Amino acid sequence: MDRTQFPWKAFLTKIAVIAVPVALQNLLSTTGSMVDTMMIASLGQTEVGAVGLCAQFSSLMFSGYWGFVGGGMLFFSQYWGAKDDDGINRAYGLTLTCMMTVGLIFGLMGVCFPETVMRLYTDKENIQKIGAEYLRIAGFGYPLMVFSMAMAALLRCTGKVRIPLWGSIASVGTNIFMNWVLIFGHLGAPALGVRGAALATVIAQAVNCSVIIIAARRSGHAYLLAIRRHFRWSRLFIRTYLRKCFPIICNEVLIGVGNMVINIVLGRQPEEAIAALAVFRTIEGLVIGFFAGFSNASSVLVGTEVGAGRLDRAFGRAWRLVYLCQGFIAVLGVILISLHTPILNMMGMKGESFRLAFGMMAIYLSFGIIRMGNWTQNDTFRAAGDATYGTVLEIVFMWAMLIPLVCVSGLVLKWPTLVVFAFCYADEPIRYILMQIHLHNGKWIRPVTPEGKEALKGWKPNRKLIDEPDR
């Protein structure tokens, strides 16, 4: 094989094997969220806004556990590349323990203290009341949601990307059907409104977990159900794991808290803006769903090669994954803008709320190409062992630039909602330039396996020497 000729066909096939099931899984979840929103919209815009703010609380939980997902995938993919079964099992057990701790804490807050949570996110009493009813039930589903995410991360890194997709298909179908039954009171069930939507979500999460476990058992997956091997940790392993995960955890927590501050500001905008924001977040999930496919592909395809010591291949794949991701997001953005009228009408937007929702879409998608490039680069760095560079940039820019801009413009100067919203993405172009420099100098390749560490000695990035035959 001519090693100056990049094997695009084989490369795109490998991306598709990982990215397509993940993108479909997230597309299903987003479709379920859109159907949720459409059903809840029939109850009123206040209900849409309340459930949307509850989703921001679950997003904060996501930030709390996603650091462990990122750290776990670093270890899963590199140990998978090095064929270290014991390492995979121990890393999964520690990742699962940390993630479930977060899920249980947030579930407890949602079930026992929903009024306090809602008072934090908005000053509108009618929205607080409806949101508290939703959270009191939805909180039971948070640990199940976290459990399914932990299983999905392990399965994707070990070549079983379709199993989480099957779980999502069953979950979304269950959620839509149970929403229809419980929100409106069909088939003899009581009409529970937003409480019915919350209960349907809990049931759907239980179905998701069940399908994943059953499918993994039938496929004979060597790691997911090897429970006795998950918790054999040494102090050295825990130290190594936490040292690699700590920057990612700090990033996700500080970014999550920063987003919470931003959502608190946006939650004090007019009710039409709150409803528009809830609809926008659902549409945003569609973009992130496609991005997540590339994110997982970069984590697995780059992390596996770093762990196996094939550093030229990891480097050559990394920067191509970033640009491919940005290209796909650009196409998706054009499609969404073209179809914005029927999409927003189906989700109950009209008048001022329609104008604001479209404005948020346009602003977000304008920055989306750069934003998703930054996210893909950061996930690539993490999978290769560098969990610090992108983390420090994101934290510094959010707390030194974005939060002051949003708080001053929204709470002090009382500028229009769309201006405040635009400030949420003001740092993306600056960070992109800095991330590109780091991507191409190759200093983000920091293996955790013996094979990778040995290959790193004397290695330098070479954009022409880009692939090697499979071994």
Protein backbone atom coordinates (compact mmCIF):
# COMPACT_ATOMS: atom_id res chain seq x y z
CA MET A 1 0.00 0.00 0.00
CA ASP A 2 1.27 3.51 -0.86
CA ARG A 3 1.55 5.10 2.56
CA THR A 4 1.36 8.62 1.05
CA GLN A 5 -2.11 7.79 -0.25
CA PHE A 6 -4.72 8.07 2.50
CA PRO A 7 -7.23 5.15 2.35
CA TRP A 8 -10.39 7.24 2.41
CA LYS A 9 -12.77 4.42 1.58
CA ALA A 10 -11.59 2.23 4.46
CA PHE A 11 -11.45 5.23 6.78
CA LEU A 12 -15.00 6.36 6.01
CA THR A 13 -16.23 2.79 6.43
CA LYS A 14 -14.70 2.62 9.91
CA ILE A 15 -16.26 5.98 10.80
CA ALA A 16 -19.65 4.81 9.56
CA VAL A 17 -19.52 1.58 11.56
CA ILE A 18 -19.19 3.61 14.76
CA ALA A 19 -20.76 6.97 13.94
CA VAL A 20 -23.93 5.87 12.13
CA PRO A 21 -25.37 3.71 14.97
CA VAL A 22 -24.53 6.44 17.51
CA ALA A 23 -26.04 9.16 15.30
CA LEU A 24 -29.15 7.04 14.73
CA GLN A 25 -29.43 6.41 18.46
CA ASN A 26 -29.25 10.11 19.22
CA LEU A 27 -31.57 10.91 16.34
CA LEU A 28 -34.10 8.53 17.86
CA SER A 29 -33.71 10.19 21.26
CA THR A 30 -34.12 13.64 19.73
CA THR A 31 -37.16 12.48 17.78
CA GLY A 32 -38.62 11.23 21.05
CA SER A 33 -37.90 14.59 22.68
CA MET A 34 -39.53 16.41 19.78
CA VAL A 35 -42.63 14.24 20.06
CA ASP A 36 -42.63 14.89 23.82
CA THR A 37 -42.51 18.61 23.17
CA MET A 38 -45.28 18.42 20.58
CA MET A 39 -47.52 16.49 22.99
CA ILE A 40 -46.76 18.79 25.91
CA ALA A 41 -47.25 21.84 23.68
CA SER A 42 -50.93 20.90 23.42
CA LEU A 43 -51.15 21.59 27.17
CA GLY A 44 -49.74 25.13 26.77
CA GLN A 45 -46.50 27.09 26.39
CA THR A 46 -46.11 27.33 30.16
CA GLU A 47 -45.90 23.55 30.38
CA VAL A 48 -43.37 23.49 27.53
CA GLY A 49 -41.20 26.03 29.35
CA ALA A 50 -41.44 24.17 32.67
CA VAL A 51 -40.42 20.80 31.22
CA GLY A 52 -37.66 22.54 29.26
CA LEU A 53 -36.18 23.94 32.48
CA CYS A 54 -36.34 20.48 34.04
CA ALA A 55 -34.27 19.30 31.08
CA GLN A 56 -31.64 21.88 32.06
CA PHE A 57 -31.40 20.22 35.48
CA SER A 58 -30.80 16.85 33.82
CA SER A 59 -28.19 18.58 31.64
CA LEU A 60 -26.41 19.64 34.83
CA MET A 61 -26.43 15.98 35.88
CA PHE A 62 -25.01 15.13 32.45
CA SER A 63 -22.10 17.48 33.14
CA GLY A 64 -21.56 15.79 36.50
CA TYR A 65 -21.17 12.30 35.09
CA TRP A 66 -19.86 12.98 31.59
CA GLY A 67 -16.37 13.60 32.91
CA PHE A 68 -16.29 9.97 33.99
CA VAL A 69 -17.63 8.88 30.59
CA GLY A 70 -14.84 10.80 28.85
CA GLY A 71 -12.23 9.39 31.21
CA GLY A 72 -13.67 5.90 30.96
CA MET A 73 -13.65 5.95 27.15
CA LEU A 74 -10.01 7.03 27.25
CA PHE A 75 -9.16 3.84 29.16
CA PHE A 76 -11.65 1.58 27.36
CA SER A 77 -10.38 2.48 23.89
CA GLN A 78 -6.67 2.39 24.72
CA TYR A 79 -6.96 -0.90 26.65
CA TRP A 80 -9.05 -2.29 23.79
CA GLY A 81 -6.28 -1.36 21.36
CA ALA A 82 -3.73 -3.04 23.64
CA LYS A 83 -6.01 -6.11 24.13
CA ASP A 84 -5.89 -5.68 27.92
CA ASP A 85 -9.09 -7.38 29.15
CA ASP A 86 -8.36 -6.85 32.82
CA GLY A 87 -7.77 -3.15 32.25
CA ILE A 88 -11.10 -2.77 30.45
CA ASN A 89 -13.00 -4.53 33.25
CA ARG A 90 -11.41 -2.51 36.04
CA ALA A 91 -11.87 0.77 34.18
CA TYR A 92 -15.55 0.01 33.58
CA GLY A 93 -16.20 -0.88 37.21
CA LEU A 94 -14.63 2.33 38.46
CA THR A 95 -16.37 4.42 35.79
CA LEU A 96 -19.75 2.87 36.62
CA THR A 97 -19.31 3.44 40.36
CA CYS A 98 -18.46 7.12 39.90
CA MET A 99 -21.27 7.71 37.41
CA MET A 100 -23.95 6.02 39.50
CA THR A 101 -22.98 8.13 42.51
CA VAL A 102 -23.77 11.24 40.45
CA GLY A 103 -27.03 9.76 39.15
CA LEU A 104 -28.26 8.84 42.63
CA ILE A 105 -27.48 12.31 44.02
CA PHE A 106 -29.39 14.07 41.25
CA GLY A 107 -32.25 11.57 41.46
CA LEU A 108 -32.55 12.31 45.18
CA MET A 109 -32.59 16.06 44.55
CA GLY A 110 -35.26 15.73 41.88
CA VAL A 111 -37.54 13.49 43.95
CA CYS A 112 -37.12 15.13 47.36
CA PHE A 113 -36.37 18.79 46.60
CA PRO A 114 -38.02 19.66 43.25
CA GLU A 115 -39.36 23.05 44.41
CA THR A 116 -35.87 24.17 45.40
CA VAL A 117 -34.48 23.10 42.03
CA MET A 118 -37.16 24.98 40.10
CA ARG A 119 -36.75 28.17 42.17
CA LEU A 120 -33.13 28.14 41.13
CA TYR A 121 -33.93 28.03 37.43
CA THR A 122 -36.78 30.54 37.18
CA ASP A 123 -38.62 33.23 39.12
CA LYS A 124 -41.99 32.40 37.48
CA GLU A 125 -44.17 30.71 40.15
CA ASN A 126 -46.52 29.00 37.70
CA ILE A 127 -43.56 27.45 35.88
CA GLN A 128 -41.99 26.43 39.20
CA LYS A 129 -45.12 24.54 40.24
CA ILE A 130 -45.47 22.61 36.99
CA GLY A 131 -41.75 21.82 36.85
CA ALA A 132 -41.75 20.49 40.43
CA GLU A 133 -44.56 18.05 39.56
CA TYR A 134 -42.49 16.78 36.64
CA LEU A 135 -39.19 16.49 38.53
CA ARG A 136 -40.70 14.64 41.51
CA ILE A 137 -41.41 11.70 39.18
CA ALA A 138 -38.64 12.08 36.57
CA GLY A 139 -35.97 11.95 39.28
CA PHE A 140 -36.55 8.19 39.62
CA GLY A 141 -35.31 7.77 36.05
CA TYR A 142 -32.00 9.61 36.52
CA PRO A 143 -29.99 6.65 37.88
CA LEU A 144 -31.37 4.48 35.07
CA MET A 145 -30.33 7.08 32.50
CA VAL A 146 -26.79 7.18 33.90
CA PHE A 147 -26.56 3.38 34.02
CA SER A 148 -27.53 3.09 30.35
CA MET A 149 -24.95 5.74 29.40
CA ALA A 150 -22.17 3.85 31.21
CA MET A 151 -23.07 0.61 29.45
CA ALA A 152 -23.29 2.36 26.07
CA ALA A 153 -19.82 3.91 26.49
CA LEU A 154 -18.24 0.52 27.17
CA LEU A 155 -20.09 -1.22 24.36
CA ARG A 156 -19.12 1.41 21.78
CA CYS A 157 -15.44 1.24 22.71
CA THR A 158 -15.40 -2.55 22.45
CA GLY A 159 -17.02 -2.96 19.05
CA LYS A 160 -20.68 -3.41 20.06
CA VAL A 161 -22.10 -0.12 18.80
CA ARG A 162 -25.45 -1.61 17.73
CA ILE A 163 -26.59 -2.76 21.16
CA PRO A 164 -27.11 0.79 22.54
CA LEU A 165 -29.00 1.57 19.33
CA TRP A 166 -31.42 -1.31 19.97
CA GLY A 167 -31.93 -0.01 23.49
CA SER A 168 -32.73 3.46 22.16
CA ILE A 169 -35.21 2.12 19.62
CA ALA A 170 -37.11 0.29 22.35
CA SER A 171 -36.84 3.25 24.73
CA VAL A 172 -38.07 5.89 22.28
CA GLY A 173 -40.95 3.72 21.11
CA THR A 174 -41.97 3.08 24.71
CA ASN A 175 -41.67 6.76 25.60
CA ILE A 176 -43.86 7.95 22.73
CA PHE A 177 -46.53 5.32 23.38
CA MET A 178 -46.60 5.89 27.15
CA ASN A 179 -46.73 9.67 26.60
CA TRP A 180 -49.82 9.20 24.46
CA VAL A 181 -51.38 7.00 27.12
CA LEU A 182 -50.44 8.93 30.26
CA ILE A 183 -50.45 12.58 29.17
CA PHE A 184 -53.90 12.43 27.58
CA GLY A 185 -55.46 9.49 29.44
CA HIS A 186 -55.94 6.96 26.64
CA LEU A 187 -56.68 3.22 27.07
CA GLY A 188 -58.43 3.85 30.36
CA ALA A 189 -55.45 5.53 32.05
CA PRO A 190 -55.90 8.83 33.91
CA ALA A 191 -54.89 12.03 32.07
CA LEU A 192 -51.80 13.06 34.05
CA GLY A 193 -50.46 15.91 31.91
CA VAL A 194 -46.80 16.70 32.61
CA ARG A 195 -46.73 14.05 35.36
CA GLY A 196 -47.65 11.49 32.71
CA ALA A 197 -44.73 12.68 30.55
CA ALA A 198 -42.38 12.23 33.53
CA LEU A 199 -43.68 8.74 34.29
CA ALA A 200 -43.36 7.75 30.62
CA THR A 201 -39.72 8.87 30.70
CA VAL A 202 -38.96 6.69 33.74
CA ILE A 203 -40.58 3.64 32.14
CA ALA A 204 -38.66 4.24 28.91
CA GLN A 205 -35.34 4.43 30.77
CA ALA A 206 -36.07 1.10 32.48
CA VAL A 207 -36.80 -0.46 29.08
CA ASN A 208 -33.55 0.93 27.67
CA CYS A 209 -31.45 -0.63 30.44
CA SER A 210 -33.25 -3.95 30.17
CA VAL A 211 -32.77 -4.24 26.40
CA ILE A 212 -29.06 -3.39 26.63
CA ILE A 213 -28.43 -5.99 29.34
CA ILE A 214 -30.39 -8.71 27.55
CA ALA A 215 -28.75 -7.98 24.18
CA ALA A 216 -25.26 -7.92 25.73
CA ARG A 217 -25.89 -11.27 27.42
CA ARG A 218 -27.13 -12.86 24.19
CA SER A 219 -24.15 -11.53 22.23
CA GLY A 220 -21.75 -12.97 24.79
CA HIS A 221 -20.09 -9.62 25.47
CA ALA A 222 -16.93 -10.32 27.45
CA TYR A 223 -16.92 -7.21 29.66
CA LEU A 224 -20.33 -5.72 30.42
CA LEU A 225 -21.56 -8.61 32.56
CA ALA A 226 -18.21 -9.69 34.06
CA ILE A 227 -19.31 -8.21 37.38
CA ARG A 228 -16.77 -10.01 39.57
CA ARG A 229 -13.92 -8.52 37.55
CA HIS A 230 -15.20 -4.94 37.61
CA PHE A 231 -14.15 -4.02 41.13
CA ARG A 232 -10.62 -5.39 41.43
CA TRP A 233 -8.92 -2.03 41.77
CA SER A 234 -5.47 -1.34 43.12
CA ARG A 235 -4.49 2.00 44.63
CA LEU A 236 -2.15 2.59 41.70
CA PHE A 237 -4.95 1.98 39.19
CA ILE A 238 -7.35 4.31 41.02
CA ARG A 239 -4.67 7.00 41.16
CA THR A 240 -3.91 6.64 37.44
CA TYR A 241 -7.61 6.67 36.55
CA LEU A 242 -8.44 9.73 38.64
CA ARG A 243 -5.35 11.60 37.49
CA LYS A 244 -6.43 11.18 33.86
CA CYS A 245 -10.12 11.81 34.62
CA PHE A 246 -9.65 14.77 36.95
CA PRO A 247 -9.19 17.42 34.24
CA ILE A 248 -12.19 16.05 32.32
CA ILE A 249 -14.32 15.99 35.48
CA CYS A 250 -13.30 19.55 36.35
CA ASN A 251 -14.12 20.62 32.82
CA GLU A 252 -17.56 19.05 32.78
CA VAL A 253 -18.52 20.21 36.29
CA LEU A 254 -17.32 23.78 35.84
CA ILE A 255 -18.86 23.99 32.37
CA GLY A 256 -22.07 22.46 33.73
CA VAL A 257 -22.24 25.01 36.55
CA GLY A 258 -21.45 27.76 34.04
CA ASN A 259 -24.28 26.59 31.79
CA MET A 260 -26.54 26.53 34.84
CA VAL A 261 -25.70 30.19 35.50
CA ILE A 262 -26.47 30.99 31.86
CA ASN A 263 -29.77 29.07 32.07
CA ILE A 264 -30.67 30.94 35.26
CA VAL A 265 -30.24 34.21 33.34
CA LEU A 266 -32.28 32.91 30.40
CA GLY A 267 -34.90 31.55 32.83
CA ARG A 268 -35.60 35.12 33.92
CA GLN A 269 -36.52 36.23 30.42
CA PRO A 270 -40.21 36.55 29.36
CA GLU A 271 -42.30 33.35 29.28
CA GLU A 272 -42.26 33.34 25.46
CA ALA A 273 -38.47 33.24 25.55
CA ILE A 274 -38.47 30.37 28.07
CA ALA A 275 -40.81 28.35 25.84
CA ALA A 276 -38.68 29.17 22.77
CA LEU A 277 -35.54 28.08 24.62
CA ALA A 278 -37.14 24.75 25.54
CA VAL A 279 -37.94 24.08 21.87
CA PHE A 280 -34.49 25.21 20.78
CA ARG A 281 -32.83 22.79 23.22
CA THR A 282 -34.73 19.94 21.58
CA ILE A 283 -33.52 21.00 18.13
CA GLU A 284 -30.01 21.45 19.51
CA GLY A 285 -30.17 17.80 20.55
CA LEU A 286 -30.53 16.87 16.88
CA VAL A 287 -27.26 18.63 16.01
CA ILE A 288 -25.48 17.16 19.02
CA GLY A 289 -26.84 13.74 18.07
CA PHE A 290 -25.02 13.84 14.74
CA PHE A 291 -21.95 15.29 16.43
CA ALA A 292 -21.94 12.49 19.01
CA GLY A 293 -21.38 9.95 16.25
CA PHE A 294 -18.17 11.67 15.18
CA SER A 295 -17.19 12.22 18.81
CA ASN A 296 -17.43 8.51 19.54
CA ALA A 297 -15.68 7.68 16.27
CA SER A 298 -12.78 9.98 17.11
CA SER A 299 -12.53 8.59 20.65
CA VAL A 300 -12.46 4.97 19.46
CA LEU A 301 -10.53 5.27 16.18
CA VAL A 302 -7.87 7.56 17.62
CA GLY A 303 -7.70 6.16 21.17
CA THR A 304 -7.41 2.56 19.94
CA GLU A 305 -4.46 3.40 17.70
CA VAL A 306 -2.70 5.39 20.43
CA GLY A 307 -3.13 2.48 22.84
CA ALA A 308 -1.72 0.06 20.27
CA GLY A 309 1.28 2.32 19.59
CA ARG A 310 0.31 3.24 16.00
CA LEU A 311 0.77 6.97 16.45
CA ASP A 312 1.06 8.01 12.79
CA ARG A 313 -2.29 6.42 12.08
CA ALA A 314 -3.86 8.11 15.14
CA PHE A 315 -2.54 11.51 14.07
CA GLY A 316 -3.67 11.12 10.47
CA ARG A 317 -7.15 10.09 11.51
CA ALA A 318 -7.59 12.84 14.10
CA TRP A 319 -7.52 15.97 12.00
CA ARG A 320 -9.57 14.39 9.22
CA LEU A 321 -12.28 13.46 11.72
CA VAL A 322 -12.51 17.09 12.86
CA TYR A 323 -13.01 18.47 9.35
CA LEU A 324 -15.45 15.74 8.34
CA CYS A 325 -17.52 16.47 11.42
CA GLN A 326 -17.66 20.17 10.60
CA GLY A 327 -18.70 19.46 7.03
CA PHE A 328 -21.60 17.25 8.10
CA ILE A 329 -22.75 19.79 10.70
CA ALA A 330 -22.75 22.53 8.03
CA VAL A 331 -25.02 20.44 5.79
CA LEU A 332 -27.33 19.65 8.71
CA GLY A 333 -27.51 23.34 9.63
CA VAL A 334 -28.65 24.31 6.13
CA ILE A 335 -31.36 21.62 6.23
CA LEU A 336 -32.68 22.73 9.62
CA ILE A 337 -32.81 26.41 8.65
CA SER A 338 -34.67 25.50 5.45
CA LEU A 339 -37.27 23.51 7.40
CA HIS A 340 -37.57 25.80 10.43
CA THR A 341 -41.17 26.88 9.80
CA PRO A 342 -42.85 23.44 9.84
CA ILE A 343 -40.56 22.25 12.65
CA LEU A 344 -41.36 25.18 14.95
CA ASN A 345 -45.07 25.13 14.09
CA MET A 346 -45.30 21.43 14.99
CA MET A 347 -43.69 22.19 18.34
CA GLY A 348 -46.29 24.80 19.26
CA MET A 349 -44.32 27.97 18.50
CA LYS A 350 -46.23 31.02 17.30
CA GLY A 351 -45.93 34.79 17.37
CA GLU A 352 -43.09 36.06 19.57
CA SER A 353 -42.06 32.59 20.70
CA PHE A 354 -41.70 31.54 17.02
CA ARG A 355 -39.50 34.58 16.29
CA LEU A 356 -37.28 33.90 19.28
CA ALA A 357 -36.99 30.17 18.58
CA PHE A 358 -35.95 30.82 14.98
CA GLY A 359 -33.46 33.47 16.11
CA MET A 360 -31.89 31.00 18.54
CA MET A 361 -31.65 28.36 15.79
CA ALA A 362 -29.98 30.80 13.40
CA ILE A 363 -27.46 32.01 15.99
CA TYR A 364 -26.63 28.50 17.16
CA LEU A 365 -26.20 27.05 13.69
CA SER A 366 -24.02 29.99 12.63
CA PHE A 367 -21.60 29.07 15.40
CA GLY A 368 -22.30 25.33 15.17
CA ILE A 369 -19.63 24.48 12.61
CA ILE A 370 -16.90 25.96 14.79
CA ARG A 371 -18.48 24.71 18.03
CA MET A 372 -18.63 21.08 16.91
CA GLY A 373 -15.07 21.33 15.60
CA ASN A 374 -13.96 22.40 19.08
CA TRP A 375 -15.87 19.56 20.73
CA THR A 376 -14.49 16.93 18.35
CA GLN A 377 -10.93 18.14 18.87
CA ASN A 378 -11.34 18.08 22.64
CA ASP A 379 -12.76 14.53 22.58
CA THR A 380 -9.89 13.46 20.33
CA PHE A 381 -7.33 14.92 22.72
CA ARG A 382 -8.96 13.14 25.65
CA ALA A 383 -9.04 9.76 23.91
CA ALA A 384 -5.32 10.12 23.16
CA GLY A 385 -4.50 10.89 26.81
CA ASP A 386 -4.46 14.72 26.88
CA ALA A 387 -7.40 15.66 29.08
CA THR A 388 -5.97 19.06 30.07
CA TYR A 389 -5.52 21.39 27.09
CA GLY A 390 -9.09 21.68 25.82
CA THR A 391 -10.39 21.59 29.39
CA VAL A 392 -8.36 24.58 30.51
CA LEU A 393 -9.32 26.60 27.42
CA GLU A 394 -13.03 25.89 27.81
CA ILE A 395 -13.13 26.67 31.54
CA VAL A 396 -11.09 29.87 31.26
CA PHE A 397 -13.10 31.30 28.38
CA MET A 398 -16.46 30.40 29.91
CA TRP A 399 -15.80 31.93 33.33
CA ALA A 400 -13.65 34.88 32.20
CA MET A 401 -15.64 35.82 29.10
CA LEU A 402 -19.02 34.18 28.53
CA ILE A 403 -20.60 34.28 31.98
CA PRO A 404 -19.75 37.98 32.59
CA LEU A 405 -21.14 38.88 29.15
CA VAL A 406 -24.36 36.92 29.65
CA CYS A 407 -24.97 38.07 33.24
CA VAL A 408 -24.30 41.74 32.57
CA SER A 409 -26.31 41.85 29.32
CA GLY A 410 -29.23 39.80 30.70
CA LEU A 411 -29.54 40.85 34.34
CA VAL A 412 -28.03 44.35 34.43
CA LEU A 413 -28.46 45.93 31.01
CA LYS A 414 -31.66 43.95 30.20
CA TRP A 415 -30.71 43.61 26.53
CA PRO A 416 -32.95 41.63 24.13
CA THR A 417 -33.04 37.86 24.63
CA LEU A 418 -31.36 37.06 21.31
CA VAL A 419 -28.41 39.34 22.07
CA VAL A 420 -27.94 37.64 25.45
CA PHE A 421 -28.22 34.25 23.76
CA ALA A 422 -25.61 35.13 21.12
CA PHE A 423 -23.07 35.92 23.84
CA CYS A 424 -23.19 32.23 24.87
CA TYR A 425 -21.03 31.36 21.84
CA ALA A 426 -18.71 34.37 21.62
CA ASP A 427 -15.60 32.39 22.57
CA GLU A 428 -15.88 29.62 19.96
CA PRO A 429 -13.82 31.21 17.12
CA ILE A 430 -10.94 32.13 19.46
CA ARG A 431 -10.78 28.66 21.00
CA TYR A 432 -10.93 27.05 17.57
CA ILE A 433 -7.71 28.74 16.46
CA LEU A 434 -5.90 27.66 19.63
CA MET A 435 -7.25 24.10 19.37
CA GLN A 436 -6.13 23.82 15.73
CA ILE A 437 -2.59 24.77 16.65
CA HIS A 438 -2.56 22.09 19.36
CA LEU A 439 -4.12 19.49 17.04
CA HIS A 440 -1.44 19.82 14.39
CA ASN A 441 1.56 19.88 16.72
CA GLY A 442 0.63 16.38 17.98
CA LYS A 443 1.41 17.09 21.64
CA TRP A 444 -2.00 15.73 22.65
CA ILE A 445 -0.84 12.12 22.08
CA ARG A 446 -0.13 10.85 25.60
CA PRO A 447 -0.60 7.05 25.84
CA VAL A 448 -1.51 5.15 29.02
CA THR A 449 -0.49 1.71 27.69
CA PRO A 450 3.08 0.31 27.55
CA GLU A 451 2.81 -0.10 23.76
CA GLY A 452 1.82 3.51 23.28
CA LYS A 453 4.47 4.87 25.62
CA GLU A 454 7.20 2.93 23.83
CA ALA A 455 6.06 4.20 20.41
CA LEU A 456 6.01 7.80 21.67
CA LYS A 457 9.79 7.83 22.20
CA GLY A 458 11.22 10.02 19.46
CA TRP A 459 7.88 10.25 17.60
CA LYS A 460 7.03 13.41 15.66
CA PRO A 461 3.80 14.23 13.80
CA ASN A 462 3.97 13.68 10.04
CA ARG A 463 0.99 14.70 7.91
CA LYS A 464 2.20 12.59 4.95
CA LEU A 465 2.98 9.33 6.73
CA ILE A 466 -0.63 8.72 7.56
CA ASP A 467 -1.59 5.08 7.61
CA GLU A 468 -0.32 1.58 8.20
CA PRO A 469 -1.73 -1.82 7.28
CA ASP A 470 -3.99 -3.45 9.86
CA ARG A 471 -2.32 -5.96 12.16
